[in-house]
Amino acid sequence: MGLLSFATSVYNLDALDTRFSVSSTTPYQTVIDTRSDPAAKTEAAAKSRSRAQPSKWKTPEFFFYYVVFLFAVPYMFWVPYSVSGLLFNLTILRLISFNLDYYWSLGQRGSSPIEKKQLNPAQLSERDRITIPADARDYSFRNYVGYAAYAPLYLVGPIITFNDYISQAKYRSSTIEGWRTVRYAVRFVLVLLAMEAILHFNYVGVISLVNPDWSSYTPAQLSLLSFFKLHIIWLKLLLPWRMFRLWSLVDGIDPPENMVRCPSNNYSTQLFWRAWHRSYNRWLIRYIYVPLGGSSFRTWRSTARTILTYLLSFTFVALWHDIQMRLLIWGWLIVLFMLPEFAATALFPPRKWEHKPTQYRMLCCAGAIFNVLMMISANLVGFAVGLDGLEVIIKNVLHDWSGAMFLVTACSCLFVGIQVMFEIRQEELRKGFTTKC
């Protein structure tokens, strides 16, 4: 039996189940016996053909159908692939990283920063791994493909620059230690259990999917449903990011941690984005934000340019996620909600309050309450209920005095929580940790 005949027989219905080819009243041994009888096989084939219409496989009609299939089938596969755009989005970031790192390296071909600074390439700091160009021979097609398709980080990241990747591929980072990796794995398991517990006892994810009548909920229910929805989104992103980062650590590559803080431990709009999808934030700073001019608030002109830089950066972020108006609105809202924080920092600089630390902390806490409310609103627009849904929620929360009283109560609780956030960061500083978020 030839290979083609064998492949054909594999997909024959007889191979799937003999009941499709033999009557239930016919002993199958009879079929086996007729296989060695050519006359019986011919008779059985003729009998089968008589029950069906003539073959159309080689007719002009079906040749036309083949042409349709030739175009339609690849398109059918492309459509769901294009919907799964996250893989392509992340790959684009890697391709940009490779090409810009290579382009910037061309200006430093005359001298090696490693030799100039007398550095050990096996013991570079993270900043040196990122900023010092790789060897010219490392910008090869082989490394290009290997970096873009690196299995542990291919699906969801975290993002790592090409220079950093190739440096760690050549010299294992000293930050990777067995016991630290084990602890990281334990934290991942605990996060997984937390997600299971929340999904088991908290039905906010299901509630938001069925388009409920929001007016039937009390202001407290609406607010807390929105609050926990953001936490579920956080956990939904945190789990795959940590799982694949754990795989990368085991493989010997140490990418940045994507989620540094829980949403409940953020009070600054600006610092929030340093902790949420942190590797993407670092990528944006290196390849988008700094090349556009960075930030400066020394003059009105530089301030306007800084705001424009933020707008362009968050427009890129929104379009990178997906081409949807609600995401563009989300990105622009983020920039809008950053402006009060920038203004407050300029009007109340820390150096003028050095001798009044308690009063300054209380003042910052009052402003941080506004920040938290704005961050919740912006992320609900972008990743949960959209602009219309947020409008309905706000109207239902503030439609009577009970809603206003709840808002006052909630702000009071936020005041307490933000004070704890301040102290958490101070404790981190006392222990020698500098998260900058």
Foldseek 3Di string as FASTA:
>chain_A
DDPVVVVVVCPDVCVVPVCVPDPPVDDCVVVVVCVVPVVSVVVVVVVVVVVDDDDDCPPPVNVVVVVVCVPPVVVVVVVVVVVLCQLVLLLVLALLLLVVLLVVVVVVVVDFPCVVVVHDLQADDQVCLRNGRDDNVCSDPVLSVCRSCVPLARRPHDDDGSSNVVSQVVHFYPVQDDVVLVVLVVVLVVLVVVLVVCVVPPVLVVVLVVPDDLLVDALVVLVVSLVVVVQNVVSVSQNSQSVSQSVVSVVRHHADRAADDGLLLDLALVLNNCRHGNSVVVSCVVRQLVVQPHADDPDPVRNVSNLVSQLVSLCVVLVSVHPDPLSNVLSVLSSVLNVVVVVVCVVCPVVVCVVPVVVVLLVSLLVSLSVSVSNSLSCCQNPGNRPVRSVVSVCSLPVDVVSVVVVVVVSVVSSVSNVVSVVVVVVCVVVPDDSSD
